[in-house]
Each structure stands twice: as C-alpha cells, then as structure tokens.
Amino acid sequence: MRVMIAEDSVLLREGLERLLTEAGIEVTGTSDTADKLLTLVANDEPDAAIVDIRLPPTHTDEGMKAALAIRADHHDVGVVVLSQYVEVGLAMQLLGDSAAGAGYLLKDRISNVSDFIDAVRRVADGGSAIDPTIVSALISKQTNRDPLARLTPREGEVLALMAEGRSNQGIAERLVITLRAVEKYVSSIFSKLDLATTGSDSKRVLAVLLYLRG
C-alpha cells in the first residue's frame, strides 16, 4: 500500500512516516503544504493521503480543501484527515455524497497505533474511518429528525459504531453481545431508516452517513 502525508509539523510528519513504514506501508511522498501535496498526488497517485486539516499559510482549512480536491479529482485515492478539533461542518463536507474512502480522525484521541494503521488501510481499501466523537456530533445534529427518533438506545449505539466503520463482529466485541444480535439490530436500523440492506460494510456505513448528512 502506498501513502502520502501532508503535515507541517516536522516531528509529527516524520513520526507518521516511521509508523507507517514499520507497518509495511510505503510512504511515497511527504509535504508541509496543501499545494505540494496536490502536486505529489497528481504526479503519482497513492492509495491514500493523510492530511492535517490546518496547513500553511493560514492554518485554517487548507488541508481540508486539499482533501476535498483529492476526493473530487482522484476517486481512487482514499483521504484521512487529521484534526485537533471536532468540526462537524468540515466533516460533512469531507463525507459529501459518499463516506467511501474517507476518514476523519482526531489527533488527541489516537491512542493505539494499530487502530490508526487499520483505519488508514480501511480508507485506502474504500472503507471509512470516523472518530466516535465526530459520529456522536453528527448524530446529535440530527436528533430532531423523525427517523433517528425511531431507534432504540441500543440501536443508536450500533448505528454509531457502524458509522465508525466497524464490522458486525467488531460491534459485537465492543458491546459484548452476540454476532446474531448485532445482525438483528443492523436489520432493524435499516428498516427504521428506510435504507436498503446490503452485504457490504462500506456500503452500510455509507448509507448511515448519507442519512446523517441529509
């Protein structure tokens, strides 16, 4: 797997490169600005790009703009955005009409290297990786919508974990319930939200996040 990194902090940039390399992931390019990242991606598309949401010169949303440009112009490149803040509006922009190949992770909440590596691999493979805090914020933003009000508290928990990109088995392990129980909750959620069921985790997460955005 081939990855590029855009991060203006040299320590974090080199730290990410080392962690990815040790995990067997090839880092084909690094940059400290959004413009340089876009040039690197245009010249040699990676499987995924890891982008700090705030890059020079203004340190506002240059990284997010680069992430959106990559998703618009390079459909096969997954994008993982790193942020220090919960910015629901920017998260919704990133997800757009599809959560496939998109990740939004909070730097201060990444405490497990293997989980981070798994998230990057999942996004590169066309899945999604959304920090639970972002998922909760998205759900809270929609609490006044009737479809979500139909869900039971347990179904709400399962929905949040689905939106994080977790598999049925991962949800079962997190909630300490059986896989069969998770399957029943997932089926009920799709029914209550008027969403067609699918056999694909990525499509399931996409459907959930499409609803949250809408």
N, C-alpha and C. Protein backbone atom coordinates (compact mmCIF):
# COMPACT_ATOMS: atom_id res chain seq x y z
N MET A 1 0.83 -1.18 0.00
CA MET A 1 0.00 0.00 0.00
C MET A 1 0.87 1.24 0.00
N ARG A 2 0.48 2.26 -0.77
CA ARG A 2 1.27 3.48 -0.93
C ARG A 2 0.50 4.67 -0.35
N VAL A 3 1.19 5.47 0.47
CA VAL A 3 0.54 6.58 1.17
C VAL A 3 1.38 7.85 1.06
N MET A 4 0.71 9.00 1.03
CA MET A 4 1.38 10.30 1.09
C MET A 4 0.91 11.03 2.33
N ILE A 5 1.75 11.91 2.86
CA ILE A 5 1.45 12.63 4.11
C ILE A 5 1.60 14.13 3.89
N ALA A 6 0.64 14.90 4.39
CA ALA A 6 0.74 16.37 4.40
C ALA A 6 0.57 16.83 5.84
N GLU A 7 1.66 17.28 6.45
CA GLU A 7 1.67 17.72 7.84
C GLU A 7 2.80 18.73 8.01
N ASP A 8 2.49 19.91 8.57
CA ASP A 8 3.52 20.94 8.65
C ASP A 8 4.42 20.78 9.88
N SER A 9 4.01 19.99 10.85
CA SER A 9 4.87 19.72 11.99
C SER A 9 5.86 18.63 11.61
N VAL A 10 7.15 18.97 11.59
CA VAL A 10 8.16 18.02 11.14
C VAL A 10 8.21 16.79 12.04
N LEU A 11 8.01 16.97 13.34
CA LEU A 11 8.04 15.83 14.26
C LEU A 11 6.89 14.87 13.98
N LEU A 12 5.70 15.42 13.81
CA LEU A 12 4.54 14.57 13.55
C LEU A 12 4.64 13.94 12.17
N ARG A 13 5.12 14.72 11.19
CA ARG A 13 5.24 14.19 9.83
C ARG A 13 6.21 13.01 9.79
N GLU A 14 7.38 13.20 10.40
CA GLU A 14 8.36 12.12 10.39
C GLU A 14 7.93 10.96 11.28
N GLY A 15 7.18 11.27 12.34
CA GLY A 15 6.67 10.21 13.19
C GLY A 15 5.66 9.35 12.45
N LEU A 16 4.77 9.99 11.71
CA LEU A 16 3.79 9.25 10.91
C LEU A 16 4.49 8.39 9.86
N GLU A 17 5.48 8.98 9.21
CA GLU A 17 6.20 8.23 8.18
C GLU A 17 6.86 6.99 8.77
N ARG A 18 7.44 7.13 9.94
CA ARG A 18 8.11 5.99 10.57
C ARG A 18 7.11 4.91 10.96
N LEU A 19 5.98 5.32 11.56
CA LEU A 19 4.97 4.35 11.98
C LEU A 19 4.41 3.58 10.78
N LEU A 20 4.13 4.29 9.71
CA LEU A 20 3.58 3.65 8.52
C LEU A 20 4.60 2.71 7.89
N THR A 21 5.84 3.15 7.81
CA THR A 21 6.89 2.32 7.23
C THR A 21 7.08 1.04 8.04
N GLU A 22 7.09 1.17 9.36
CA GLU A 22 7.25 -0.01 10.21
C GLU A 22 6.08 -0.98 10.08
N ALA A 23 4.93 -0.46 9.66
CA ALA A 23 3.75 -1.30 9.47
C ALA A 23 3.70 -1.92 8.07
N GLY A 24 4.76 -1.67 7.28
CA GLY A 24 4.82 -2.24 5.94
C GLY A 24 4.13 -1.42 4.88
N ILE A 25 3.84 -0.15 5.20
CA ILE A 25 3.18 0.75 4.25
C ILE A 25 4.23 1.67 3.63
N GLU A 26 4.25 1.77 2.32
CA GLU A 26 5.24 2.61 1.64
C GLU A 26 4.78 4.07 1.62
N VAL A 27 5.60 4.96 2.14
CA VAL A 27 5.32 6.39 2.10
C VAL A 27 6.02 6.96 0.87
N THR A 28 5.24 7.33 -0.13
CA THR A 28 5.81 7.75 -1.41
C THR A 28 6.02 9.25 -1.51
N GLY A 29 5.54 10.00 -0.53
CA GLY A 29 5.76 11.44 -0.57
C GLY A 29 5.28 12.11 0.70
N THR A 30 5.98 13.16 1.11
CA THR A 30 5.56 13.96 2.26
C THR A 30 5.64 15.42 1.90
N SER A 31 4.80 16.22 2.54
CA SER A 31 4.80 17.66 2.26
C SER A 31 4.36 18.42 3.49
N ASP A 32 4.66 19.72 3.49
CA ASP A 32 4.23 20.56 4.60
C ASP A 32 3.20 21.60 4.16
N THR A 33 2.76 21.52 2.88
CA THR A 33 1.74 22.43 2.38
C THR A 33 0.72 21.65 1.55
N ALA A 34 -0.46 22.23 1.43
CA ALA A 34 -1.52 21.61 0.64
C ALA A 34 -1.16 21.58 -0.85
N ASP A 35 -0.60 22.68 -1.34
CA ASP A 35 -0.27 22.75 -2.77
C ASP A 35 0.74 21.67 -3.16
N LYS A 36 1.75 21.47 -2.32
CA LYS A 36 2.75 20.46 -2.63
C LYS A 36 2.12 19.06 -2.62
N LEU A 37 1.20 18.83 -1.68
CA LEU A 37 0.52 17.53 -1.64
C LEU A 37 -0.26 17.29 -2.93
N LEU A 38 -1.00 18.29 -3.38
CA LEU A 38 -1.80 18.13 -4.58
C LEU A 38 -0.92 17.84 -5.79
N THR A 39 0.25 18.46 -5.84
CA THR A 39 1.19 18.19 -6.93
C THR A 39 1.70 16.76 -6.86
N LEU A 40 2.04 16.30 -5.66
CA LEU A 40 2.53 14.93 -5.48
C LEU A 40 1.47 13.92 -5.90
N VAL A 41 0.24 14.14 -5.49
CA VAL A 41 -0.84 13.22 -5.82
C VAL A 41 -1.11 13.20 -7.31
N ALA A 42 -1.06 14.37 -7.93
CA ALA A 42 -1.32 14.45 -9.38
C ALA A 42 -0.23 13.72 -10.17
N ASN A 43 0.99 13.77 -9.69
CA ASN A 43 2.10 13.15 -10.41
C ASN A 43 2.21 11.66 -10.19
N ASP A 44 1.75 11.18 -9.04
CA ASP A 44 1.92 9.75 -8.72
C ASP A 44 0.88 9.35 -7.68
N GLU A 45 -0.31 9.00 -8.13
CA GLU A 45 -1.42 8.73 -7.21
C GLU A 45 -1.07 7.63 -6.20
N PRO A 46 -1.25 7.91 -4.91
CA PRO A 46 -1.06 6.87 -3.88
C PRO A 46 -2.39 6.15 -3.65
N ASP A 47 -2.39 5.21 -2.74
CA ASP A 47 -3.64 4.56 -2.35
C ASP A 47 -4.41 5.43 -1.36
N ALA A 48 -3.66 6.22 -0.60
CA ALA A 48 -4.31 7.10 0.38
C ALA A 48 -3.41 8.28 0.70
N ALA A 49 -4.04 9.37 1.14
CA ALA A 49 -3.31 10.56 1.59
C ALA A 49 -3.77 10.89 3.01
N ILE A 50 -2.80 11.15 3.88
CA ILE A 50 -3.09 11.55 5.25
C ILE A 50 -2.83 13.05 5.34
N VAL A 51 -3.85 13.82 5.69
CA VAL A 51 -3.77 15.28 5.58
C VAL A 51 -4.15 15.97 6.89
N ASP A 52 -3.27 16.83 7.38
CA ASP A 52 -3.62 17.68 8.52
C ASP A 52 -4.63 18.70 8.02
N ILE A 53 -5.69 18.91 8.79
CA ILE A 53 -6.76 19.79 8.34
C ILE A 53 -6.31 21.25 8.23
N ARG A 54 -5.29 21.63 9.03
CA ARG A 54 -4.82 23.02 9.02
C ARG A 54 -3.36 23.07 8.60
N LEU A 55 -3.12 23.67 7.44
CA LEU A 55 -1.78 23.75 6.87
C LEU A 55 -1.44 25.19 6.52
N PRO A 56 -0.16 25.49 6.29
CA PRO A 56 0.24 26.84 5.90
C PRO A 56 -0.45 27.23 4.58
N PRO A 57 -0.60 28.54 4.31
CA PRO A 57 -0.03 29.64 5.09
C PRO A 57 -0.93 30.15 6.23
N THR A 58 -2.24 29.90 6.19
CA THR A 58 -3.13 30.49 7.19
C THR A 58 -3.47 29.54 8.34
N HIS A 59 -3.19 28.26 8.17
CA HIS A 59 -3.51 27.26 9.18
C HIS A 59 -4.99 27.29 9.55
N THR A 60 -5.85 27.41 8.54
CA THR A 60 -7.30 27.36 8.78
C THR A 60 -7.87 26.07 8.20
N ASP A 61 -8.11 26.08 6.88
CA ASP A 61 -8.72 24.89 6.29
C ASP A 61 -8.03 24.45 5.00
N GLU A 62 -6.76 24.85 4.83
CA GLU A 62 -6.04 24.47 3.60
C GLU A 62 -6.00 22.95 3.42
N GLY A 63 -5.78 22.23 4.52
CA GLY A 63 -5.72 20.78 4.43
C GLY A 63 -7.05 20.17 4.00
N MET A 64 -8.14 20.69 4.55
CA MET A 64 -9.46 20.18 4.16
C MET A 64 -9.75 20.48 2.70
N LYS A 65 -9.37 21.67 2.23
CA LYS A 65 -9.58 21.99 0.82
C LYS A 65 -8.79 21.03 -0.07
N ALA A 66 -7.58 20.69 0.34
CA ALA A 66 -6.78 19.74 -0.43
C ALA A 66 -7.44 18.36 -0.41
N ALA A 67 -7.96 17.96 0.74
CA ALA A 67 -8.64 16.67 0.86
C ALA A 67 -9.85 16.62 -0.07
N LEU A 68 -10.62 17.70 -0.09
CA LEU A 68 -11.80 17.75 -0.96
C LEU A 68 -11.40 17.70 -2.43
N ALA A 69 -10.30 18.40 -2.78
CA ALA A 69 -9.82 18.39 -4.16
C ALA A 69 -9.39 16.99 -4.58
N ILE A 70 -8.72 16.29 -3.67
CA ILE A 70 -8.28 14.92 -3.98
C ILE A 70 -9.49 14.02 -4.19
N ARG A 71 -10.50 14.14 -3.33
CA ARG A 71 -11.69 13.30 -3.47
C ARG A 71 -12.46 13.61 -4.75
N ALA A 72 -12.38 14.87 -5.18
CA ALA A 72 -13.08 15.25 -6.40
C ALA A 72 -12.35 14.82 -7.67
N ASP A 73 -11.02 14.90 -7.64
CA ASP A 73 -10.23 14.67 -8.85
C ASP A 73 -9.53 13.31 -8.92
N HIS A 74 -9.41 12.64 -7.79
CA HIS A 74 -8.70 11.36 -7.76
C HIS A 74 -9.54 10.35 -6.97
N HIS A 75 -10.50 9.78 -7.65
CA HIS A 75 -11.51 8.96 -6.98
C HIS A 75 -10.96 7.68 -6.35
N ASP A 76 -9.80 7.24 -6.80
CA ASP A 76 -9.23 6.01 -6.25
C ASP A 76 -8.31 6.25 -5.07
N VAL A 77 -8.15 7.51 -4.68
CA VAL A 77 -7.26 7.85 -3.58
C VAL A 77 -8.09 8.07 -2.31
N GLY A 78 -7.85 7.26 -1.28
CA GLY A 78 -8.52 7.47 -0.01
C GLY A 78 -7.91 8.66 0.71
N VAL A 79 -8.69 9.32 1.54
CA VAL A 79 -8.21 10.51 2.26
C VAL A 79 -8.52 10.39 3.75
N VAL A 80 -7.48 10.49 4.56
CA VAL A 80 -7.65 10.50 6.02
C VAL A 80 -7.27 11.89 6.51
N VAL A 81 -8.23 12.62 7.05
CA VAL A 81 -7.99 13.96 7.57
C VAL A 81 -7.72 13.87 9.07
N LEU A 82 -6.67 14.54 9.52
CA LEU A 82 -6.33 14.59 10.94
C LEU A 82 -6.64 15.99 11.47
N SER A 83 -7.29 16.05 12.63
CA SER A 83 -7.66 17.34 13.19
C SER A 83 -7.52 17.32 14.71
N GLN A 84 -7.33 18.48 15.29
CA GLN A 84 -7.33 18.61 16.75
C GLN A 84 -8.69 18.99 17.27
N TYR A 85 -9.63 19.27 16.37
CA TYR A 85 -10.91 19.79 16.77
C TYR A 85 -12.06 19.03 16.12
N VAL A 86 -13.22 19.04 16.80
CA VAL A 86 -14.44 18.47 16.24
C VAL A 86 -15.10 19.56 15.40
N GLU A 87 -15.02 19.43 14.10
CA GLU A 87 -15.60 20.42 13.20
C GLU A 87 -16.61 19.70 12.31
N VAL A 88 -17.85 19.66 12.78
CA VAL A 88 -18.89 18.88 12.12
C VAL A 88 -19.12 19.35 10.68
N GLY A 89 -19.12 20.68 10.48
CA GLY A 89 -19.36 21.19 9.14
C GLY A 89 -18.32 20.69 8.15
N LEU A 90 -17.04 20.70 8.56
CA LEU A 90 -15.97 20.23 7.68
C LEU A 90 -16.07 18.73 7.48
N ALA A 91 -16.46 18.02 8.53
CA ALA A 91 -16.62 16.57 8.40
C ALA A 91 -17.69 16.24 7.38
N MET A 92 -18.78 16.98 7.40
CA MET A 92 -19.87 16.74 6.44
C MET A 92 -19.42 17.08 5.02
N GLN A 93 -18.57 18.10 4.89
CA GLN A 93 -18.03 18.42 3.57
C GLN A 93 -17.18 17.26 3.05
N LEU A 94 -16.36 16.70 3.93
CA LEU A 94 -15.48 15.61 3.53
C LEU A 94 -16.28 14.41 3.08
N LEU A 95 -17.32 14.07 3.84
CA LEU A 95 -18.12 12.90 3.51
C LEU A 95 -18.91 13.13 2.24
N GLY A 96 -19.36 14.37 2.02
CA GLY A 96 -20.07 14.70 0.80
C GLY A 96 -21.20 13.72 0.52
N ASP A 97 -21.24 13.18 -0.69
CA ASP A 97 -22.27 12.22 -1.06
C ASP A 97 -21.81 10.80 -0.81
N SER A 98 -20.63 10.63 -0.26
CA SER A 98 -20.11 9.28 -0.05
C SER A 98 -19.09 9.27 1.08
N ALA A 99 -19.21 8.27 1.96
CA ALA A 99 -18.22 8.10 3.02
C ALA A 99 -17.14 7.13 2.60
N ALA A 100 -17.28 6.54 1.43
CA ALA A 100 -16.31 5.56 0.96
C ALA A 100 -14.96 6.24 0.71
N GLY A 101 -13.90 5.64 1.25
CA GLY A 101 -12.57 6.19 1.03
C GLY A 101 -12.30 7.47 1.79
N ALA A 102 -12.99 7.67 2.92
CA ALA A 102 -12.81 8.90 3.69
C ALA A 102 -12.61 8.59 5.17
N GLY A 103 -11.75 9.37 5.80
CA GLY A 103 -11.53 9.23 7.24
C GLY A 103 -11.38 10.58 7.88
N TYR A 104 -11.89 10.72 9.10
CA TYR A 104 -11.75 11.96 9.86
C TYR A 104 -11.41 11.53 11.29
N LEU A 105 -10.14 11.73 11.67
CA LEU A 105 -9.66 11.29 12.98
C LEU A 105 -9.16 12.48 13.79
N LEU A 106 -9.38 12.43 15.08
CA LEU A 106 -8.91 13.48 15.99
C LEU A 106 -7.54 13.08 16.55
N LYS A 107 -6.57 13.95 16.36
CA LYS A 107 -5.19 13.63 16.75
C LYS A 107 -5.07 13.20 18.22
N ASP A 108 -5.71 13.96 19.10
CA ASP A 108 -5.55 13.70 20.52
C ASP A 108 -6.24 12.42 20.98
N ARG A 109 -7.07 11.84 20.12
CA ARG A 109 -7.78 10.63 20.51
C ARG A 109 -7.17 9.37 19.88
N ILE A 110 -6.10 9.55 19.12
CA ILE A 110 -5.42 8.39 18.55
C ILE A 110 -4.44 7.88 19.60
N SER A 111 -4.84 6.82 20.29
CA SER A 111 -4.02 6.30 21.38
C SER A 111 -3.46 4.92 21.08
N ASN A 112 -3.92 4.32 19.99
CA ASN A 112 -3.48 2.98 19.64
C ASN A 112 -2.95 2.98 18.21
N VAL A 113 -1.68 2.70 18.04
CA VAL A 113 -1.06 2.75 16.71
C VAL A 113 -1.69 1.75 15.77
N SER A 114 -1.95 0.53 16.25
CA SER A 114 -2.51 -0.49 15.36
C SER A 114 -3.89 -0.08 14.87
N ASP A 115 -4.69 0.59 15.74
CA ASP A 115 -6.02 1.05 15.31
C ASP A 115 -5.88 2.11 14.22
N PHE A 116 -4.89 3.00 14.38
CA PHE A 116 -4.66 4.03 13.37
C PHE A 116 -4.25 3.41 12.04
N ILE A 117 -3.34 2.45 12.08
CA ILE A 117 -2.90 1.78 10.86
C ILE A 117 -4.07 1.07 10.20
N ASP A 118 -4.89 0.41 11.01
CA ASP A 118 -6.08 -0.27 10.47
C ASP A 118 -7.02 0.73 9.79
N ALA A 119 -7.15 1.91 10.40
CA ALA A 119 -8.03 2.93 9.83
C ALA A 119 -7.51 3.40 8.47
N VAL A 120 -6.19 3.60 8.38
CA VAL A 120 -5.60 4.03 7.10
C VAL A 120 -5.81 2.95 6.03
N ARG A 121 -5.57 1.71 6.41
CA ARG A 121 -5.76 0.61 5.45
C ARG A 121 -7.22 0.53 5.01
N ARG A 122 -8.14 0.70 5.96
CA ARG A 122 -9.56 0.61 5.64
C ARG A 122 -9.97 1.70 4.65
N VAL A 123 -9.50 2.91 4.88
CA VAL A 123 -9.83 4.02 3.98
C VAL A 123 -9.21 3.78 2.60
N ALA A 124 -7.96 3.30 2.56
CA ALA A 124 -7.31 3.02 1.28
C ALA A 124 -8.05 1.95 0.50
N ASP A 125 -8.72 1.05 1.22
CA ASP A 125 -9.47 -0.02 0.57
C ASP A 125 -10.89 0.40 0.19
N GLY A 126 -11.23 1.67 0.43
CA GLY A 126 -12.55 2.16 0.04
C GLY A 126 -13.55 2.21 1.18
N GLY A 127 -13.11 1.90 2.40
CA GLY A 127 -13.99 1.98 3.55
C GLY A 127 -13.94 3.36 4.18
N SER A 128 -14.34 3.45 5.44
CA SER A 128 -14.33 4.74 6.13
C SER A 128 -13.79 4.58 7.54
N ALA A 129 -13.36 5.69 8.13
CA ALA A 129 -12.85 5.68 9.50
C ALA A 129 -13.18 7.04 10.12
N ILE A 130 -14.22 7.07 10.91
CA ILE A 130 -14.68 8.31 11.50
C ILE A 130 -14.56 8.23 13.01
N ASP A 131 -13.91 9.21 13.63
CA ASP A 131 -13.75 9.22 15.07
C ASP A 131 -15.12 9.18 15.75
N PRO A 132 -15.27 8.39 16.81
CA PRO A 132 -16.56 8.30 17.50
C PRO A 132 -17.12 9.65 17.94
N THR A 133 -16.24 10.58 18.30
CA THR A 133 -16.71 11.91 18.71
C THR A 133 -17.40 12.62 17.56
N ILE A 134 -16.85 12.46 16.36
CA ILE A 134 -17.46 13.07 15.18
C ILE A 134 -18.80 12.42 14.90
N VAL A 135 -18.85 11.09 15.01
CA VAL A 135 -20.10 10.37 14.78
C VAL A 135 -21.17 10.86 15.75
N SER A 136 -20.80 10.99 17.03
CA SER A 136 -21.76 11.45 18.04
C SER A 136 -22.26 12.85 17.71
N ALA A 137 -21.35 13.70 17.26
CA ALA A 137 -21.74 15.07 16.91
C ALA A 137 -22.69 15.08 15.73
N LEU A 138 -22.43 14.22 14.75
CA LEU A 138 -23.31 14.13 13.59
C LEU A 138 -24.70 13.64 13.99
N ILE A 139 -24.71 12.63 14.87
CA ILE A 139 -26.00 12.10 15.31
C ILE A 139 -26.76 13.14 16.12
N SER A 140 -26.05 13.85 17.01
CA SER A 140 -26.69 14.88 17.83
C SER A 140 -27.29 15.98 16.96
N LYS A 141 -26.62 16.27 15.87
CA LYS A 141 -27.09 17.31 14.95
C LYS A 141 -28.41 16.93 14.32
N GLN A 142 -28.70 15.61 14.31
CA GLN A 142 -29.88 15.13 13.63
C GLN A 142 -30.96 14.60 14.58
N THR A 143 -30.83 14.87 15.89
CA THR A 143 -31.74 14.26 16.84
C THR A 143 -33.19 14.70 16.65
N ASN A 144 -33.42 15.81 15.98
CA ASN A 144 -34.78 16.26 15.78
C ASN A 144 -35.43 15.63 14.55
N ARG A 145 -34.73 14.73 13.88
CA ARG A 145 -35.28 14.11 12.68
C ARG A 145 -36.02 12.84 13.10
N ASP A 146 -37.22 12.66 12.55
CA ASP A 146 -38.06 11.54 12.94
C ASP A 146 -37.43 10.17 12.78
N PRO A 147 -36.74 9.85 11.67
CA PRO A 147 -36.18 8.51 11.52
C PRO A 147 -35.26 8.10 12.67
N LEU A 148 -34.38 9.00 13.12
CA LEU A 148 -33.50 8.66 14.23
C LEU A 148 -34.27 8.48 15.52
N ALA A 149 -35.36 9.21 15.67
CA ALA A 149 -36.16 9.10 16.89
C ALA A 149 -36.80 7.72 17.00
N ARG A 150 -36.88 6.99 15.88
CA ARG A 150 -37.49 5.66 15.90
C ARG A 150 -36.56 4.62 16.51
N LEU A 151 -35.26 4.94 16.58
CA LEU A 151 -34.29 3.95 17.05
C LEU A 151 -34.31 3.82 18.57
N THR A 152 -34.10 2.59 19.05
CA THR A 152 -33.93 2.37 20.47
C THR A 152 -32.53 2.82 20.88
N PRO A 153 -32.28 3.01 22.18
CA PRO A 153 -30.93 3.39 22.62
C PRO A 153 -29.87 2.41 22.14
N ARG A 154 -30.15 1.11 22.20
CA ARG A 154 -29.16 0.12 21.76
C ARG A 154 -28.92 0.22 20.26
N GLU A 155 -29.99 0.44 19.49
CA GLU A 155 -29.82 0.61 18.04
C GLU A 155 -29.00 1.87 17.75
N GLY A 156 -29.16 2.90 18.58
CA GLY A 156 -28.35 4.10 18.42
C GLY A 156 -26.88 3.81 18.63
N GLU A 157 -26.57 2.97 19.61
CA GLU A 157 -25.18 2.59 19.86
C GLU A 157 -24.62 1.83 18.66
N VAL A 158 -25.40 0.90 18.14
CA VAL A 158 -24.96 0.11 17.00
C VAL A 158 -24.76 1.01 15.79
N LEU A 159 -25.67 1.95 15.58
CA LEU A 159 -25.56 2.89 14.46
C LEU A 159 -24.27 3.70 14.54
N ALA A 160 -23.95 4.19 15.73
CA ALA A 160 -22.73 4.97 15.91
C ALA A 160 -21.50 4.14 15.58
N LEU A 161 -21.47 2.88 16.02
CA LEU A 161 -20.33 2.01 15.74
C LEU A 161 -20.27 1.65 14.26
N MET A 162 -21.42 1.49 13.61
CA MET A 162 -21.44 1.26 12.16
C MET A 162 -20.81 2.44 11.44
N ALA A 163 -21.18 3.65 11.87
CA ALA A 163 -20.68 4.86 11.22
C ALA A 163 -19.18 5.04 11.41
N GLU A 164 -18.63 4.43 12.48
CA GLU A 164 -17.18 4.47 12.67
C GLU A 164 -16.46 3.57 11.68
N GLY A 165 -17.19 2.68 11.04
CA GLY A 165 -16.59 1.76 10.09
C GLY A 165 -16.37 0.37 10.65
N ARG A 166 -16.97 0.08 11.81
CA ARG A 166 -16.75 -1.23 12.43
C ARG A 166 -17.60 -2.31 11.76
N SER A 167 -17.06 -3.50 11.69
CA SER A 167 -17.78 -4.64 11.16
C SER A 167 -18.77 -5.14 12.19
N ASN A 168 -19.66 -6.06 11.78
CA ASN A 168 -20.60 -6.64 12.74
C ASN A 168 -19.86 -7.32 13.89
N GLN A 169 -18.77 -8.02 13.56
CA GLN A 169 -18.00 -8.69 14.59
C GLN A 169 -17.38 -7.67 15.55
N GLY A 170 -16.88 -6.57 14.98
CA GLY A 170 -16.29 -5.53 15.81
C GLY A 170 -17.31 -4.89 16.74
N ILE A 171 -18.54 -4.72 16.24
CA ILE A 171 -19.61 -4.16 17.07
C ILE A 171 -19.96 -5.13 18.20
N ALA A 172 -20.04 -6.42 17.86
CA ALA A 172 -20.36 -7.43 18.86
C ALA A 172 -19.32 -7.43 19.98
N GLU A 173 -18.06 -7.34 19.61
CA GLU A 173 -16.99 -7.34 20.61
C GLU A 173 -17.03 -6.07 21.46
N ARG A 174 -17.33 -4.94 20.84
CA ARG A 174 -17.36 -3.67 21.56
C ARG A 174 -18.51 -3.63 22.57
N LEU A 175 -19.68 -4.15 22.16
CA LEU A 175 -20.86 -4.09 23.02
C LEU A 175 -21.04 -5.36 23.87
N VAL A 176 -20.15 -6.33 23.65
CA VAL A 176 -20.20 -7.60 24.39
C VAL A 176 -21.57 -8.26 24.21
N ILE A 177 -21.96 -8.42 22.95
CA ILE A 177 -23.18 -9.13 22.61
C ILE A 177 -22.86 -10.11 21.48
N THR A 178 -23.82 -10.95 21.13
CA THR A 178 -23.56 -11.96 20.09
C THR A 178 -23.60 -11.34 18.71
N LEU A 179 -22.95 -12.00 17.77
CA LEU A 179 -22.96 -11.54 16.38
C LEU A 179 -24.38 -11.57 15.83
N ARG A 180 -25.16 -12.58 16.22
CA ARG A 180 -26.54 -12.68 15.75
C ARG A 180 -27.36 -11.49 16.23
N ALA A 181 -27.11 -11.05 17.47
CA ALA A 181 -27.83 -9.89 17.99
C ALA A 181 -27.50 -8.64 17.19
N VAL A 182 -26.22 -8.49 16.85
CA VAL A 182 -25.82 -7.33 16.04
C VAL A 182 -26.52 -7.35 14.69
N GLU A 183 -26.57 -8.51 14.06
CA GLU A 183 -27.22 -8.64 12.76
C GLU A 183 -28.69 -8.21 12.83
N LYS A 184 -29.35 -8.57 13.94
CA LYS A 184 -30.76 -8.18 14.11
C LYS A 184 -30.89 -6.68 14.29
N TYR A 185 -29.97 -6.09 15.07
CA TYR A 185 -30.00 -4.64 15.26
C TYR A 185 -29.77 -3.91 13.94
N VAL A 186 -28.80 -4.38 13.17
CA VAL A 186 -28.48 -3.74 11.89
C VAL A 186 -29.69 -3.80 10.96
N SER A 187 -30.32 -4.96 10.90
CA SER A 187 -31.50 -5.12 10.04
C SER A 187 -32.61 -4.17 10.47
N SER A 188 -32.82 -4.05 11.79
CA SER A 188 -33.85 -3.16 12.30
C SER A 188 -33.54 -1.70 12.00
N ILE A 189 -32.26 -1.33 12.12
CA ILE A 189 -31.85 0.05 11.84
C ILE A 189 -32.15 0.42 10.40
N PHE A 190 -31.77 -0.45 9.48
CA PHE A 190 -32.02 -0.16 8.07
C PHE A 190 -33.51 -0.05 7.79
N SER A 191 -34.29 -0.90 8.44
CA SER A 191 -35.74 -0.85 8.25
C SER A 191 -36.32 0.46 8.76
N LYS A 192 -35.91 0.88 9.95
CA LYS A 192 -36.45 2.10 10.54
C LYS A 192 -35.99 3.36 9.81
N LEU A 193 -34.80 3.29 9.21
CA LEU A 193 -34.28 4.46 8.48
C LEU A 193 -34.64 4.42 7.00
N ASP A 194 -35.42 3.41 6.63
CA ASP A 194 -35.85 3.25 5.22
C ASP A 194 -34.66 3.14 4.29
N LEU A 195 -33.65 2.39 4.71
CA LEU A 195 -32.45 2.17 3.90
C LEU A 195 -32.40 0.71 3.47
N ALA A 196 -32.01 0.50 2.22
CA ALA A 196 -31.90 -0.87 1.72
C ALA A 196 -30.71 -1.56 2.37
N THR A 197 -30.90 -2.81 2.79
CA THR A 197 -29.79 -3.55 3.37
C THR A 197 -28.82 -3.98 2.29
N THR A 198 -27.55 -4.10 2.65
CA THR A 198 -26.52 -4.57 1.72
C THR A 198 -25.62 -5.54 2.45
N GLY A 199 -24.80 -6.26 1.70
CA GLY A 199 -23.87 -7.20 2.31
C GLY A 199 -22.50 -6.62 2.50
N SER A 200 -22.35 -5.33 2.31
CA SER A 200 -21.03 -4.70 2.36
C SER A 200 -20.95 -3.72 3.51
N ASP A 201 -19.91 -3.85 4.34
CA ASP A 201 -19.71 -2.92 5.44
C ASP A 201 -19.59 -1.49 4.94
N SER A 202 -18.79 -1.28 3.88
CA SER A 202 -18.55 0.07 3.40
C SER A 202 -19.85 0.70 2.90
N LYS A 203 -20.69 -0.10 2.23
CA LYS A 203 -21.96 0.43 1.74
C LYS A 203 -22.90 0.72 2.91
N ARG A 204 -22.82 -0.10 3.95
CA ARG A 204 -23.66 0.11 5.12
C ARG A 204 -23.29 1.42 5.80
N VAL A 205 -21.98 1.65 5.98
CA VAL A 205 -21.53 2.89 6.61
C VAL A 205 -21.89 4.08 5.73
N LEU A 206 -21.73 3.93 4.43
CA LEU A 206 -22.07 5.00 3.51
C LEU A 206 -23.53 5.38 3.65
N ALA A 207 -24.40 4.38 3.72
CA ALA A 207 -25.84 4.65 3.85
C ALA A 207 -26.13 5.40 5.14
N VAL A 208 -25.49 5.00 6.24
CA VAL A 208 -25.71 5.68 7.52
C VAL A 208 -25.26 7.14 7.46
N LEU A 209 -24.07 7.38 6.93
CA LEU A 209 -23.54 8.73 6.89
C LEU A 209 -24.26 9.60 5.86
N LEU A 210 -24.76 9.00 4.81
CA LEU A 210 -25.58 9.75 3.86
C LEU A 210 -26.84 10.27 4.55
N TYR A 211 -27.40 9.42 5.39
CA TYR A 211 -28.58 9.86 6.12
C TYR A 211 -28.22 10.99 7.09
N LEU A 212 -27.12 10.82 7.84
CA LEU A 212 -26.72 11.83 8.80
C LEU A 212 -26.48 13.17 8.12
N ARG A 213 -25.91 13.11 6.92
CA ARG A 213 -25.64 14.34 6.19
C ARG A 213 -26.93 14.98 5.71
N GLY A 214 -27.90 14.13 5.31
CA GLY A 214 -29.11 14.66 4.70
C GLY A 214 -30.07 15.32 5.65
